[in-house]
Amino acid sequence: MGSAGRFIMQFFPICLLGALFGKLMEDSGSVTAIANFMTERLRLWRAVLAGALVSALVVRPRRGQGSW
């Protein structure tokens, strides 16, 4: 149970800041502006592909931190 507590204490600030930043972007309308920009510039099918590629690059583990 101690390691679970350390994990929560270590990653809670990151999750909290991510949630706050996401809510701020949603309330300000910037999420809609970014989505509209991507779909206008890239068209819908390319925007979906770009989102998938960006997600794959961001989520990719670093060397020595697991395997894919």
Protein backbone atom coordinates (compact mmCIF):
# COMPACT_ATOMS: atom_id res chain seq x y z
CA MET A 1 0.00 0.00 0.00
CA GLY A 2 2.95 2.32 0.59
CA SER A 3 4.03 2.25 -3.05
CA ALA A 4 0.49 3.11 -4.20
CA GLY A 5 0.51 6.12 -1.89
CA ARG A 6 3.88 7.27 -3.25
CA PHE A 7 2.59 6.87 -6.80
CA ILE A 8 -0.48 9.00 -6.06
CA MET A 9 1.58 11.64 -4.28
CA GLN A 10 4.04 11.76 -7.18
CA PHE A 11 1.54 12.04 -10.04
CA PHE A 12 -1.39 13.87 -8.41
CA PRO A 13 -0.01 17.37 -9.14
CA ILE A 14 0.48 16.49 -12.81
CA CYS A 15 -3.06 15.14 -13.12
CA LEU A 16 -4.48 18.12 -11.26
CA LEU A 17 -2.68 20.63 -13.48
CA GLY A 18 -3.74 18.73 -16.60
CA ALA A 19 -7.38 18.79 -15.50
CA LEU A 20 -7.24 22.48 -14.62
CA PHE A 21 -5.56 23.37 -17.91
CA GLY A 22 -8.11 21.29 -19.86
CA LYS A 23 -11.02 22.98 -18.10
CA LEU A 24 -9.50 26.41 -18.72
CA MET A 25 -9.10 25.61 -22.42
CA GLU A 26 -12.68 24.34 -22.60
CA ASP A 27 -14.15 27.38 -20.85
CA SER A 28 -12.16 29.84 -22.96
CA GLY A 29 -13.21 28.23 -26.23
CA SER A 30 -9.67 27.54 -27.37
CA VAL A 31 -10.39 23.82 -27.77
CA THR A 32 -13.08 24.62 -30.33
CA ALA A 33 -10.80 27.09 -32.09
CA ILE A 34 -7.97 24.54 -32.32
CA ALA A 35 -10.34 21.84 -33.61
CA ASN A 36 -11.84 24.20 -36.20
CA PHE A 37 -8.37 25.28 -37.35
CA MET A 38 -7.22 21.69 -37.76
CA THR A 39 -10.31 20.62 -39.69
CA GLU A 40 -10.19 23.70 -41.96
CA ARG A 41 -6.49 23.34 -42.73
CA LEU A 42 -6.18 19.57 -42.88
CA ARG A 43 -9.73 18.56 -43.77
CA LEU A 44 -11.54 16.13 -41.50
CA TRP A 45 -9.80 12.84 -42.42
CA ARG A 46 -6.33 14.35 -42.17
CA ALA A 47 -7.17 16.03 -38.86
CA VAL A 48 -8.14 12.65 -37.38
CA LEU A 49 -4.90 11.15 -38.71
CA ALA A 50 -2.85 14.04 -37.29
CA GLY A 51 -4.51 13.63 -33.89
CA ALA A 52 -3.78 9.92 -33.87
CA LEU A 53 -0.14 10.48 -34.83
CA VAL A 54 0.37 13.17 -32.20
CA SER A 55 -1.19 10.94 -29.56
CA ALA A 56 1.09 8.07 -30.57
CA LEU A 57 4.16 10.28 -30.30
CA VAL A 58 3.19 11.75 -26.94
CA VAL A 59 2.22 8.45 -25.32
CA ARG A 60 5.27 6.54 -26.62
CA PRO A 61 7.44 5.23 -23.75
CA ARG A 62 11.05 6.38 -23.54
CA ARG A 63 13.99 4.04 -23.86
CA GLY A 64 14.36 1.73 -20.90
CA GLN A 65 10.86 2.49 -19.58
CA GLY A 66 8.90 -0.44 -20.92
CA SER A 67 8.48 -1.98 -24.29
CA TRP A 68 6.20 -1.61 -27.25
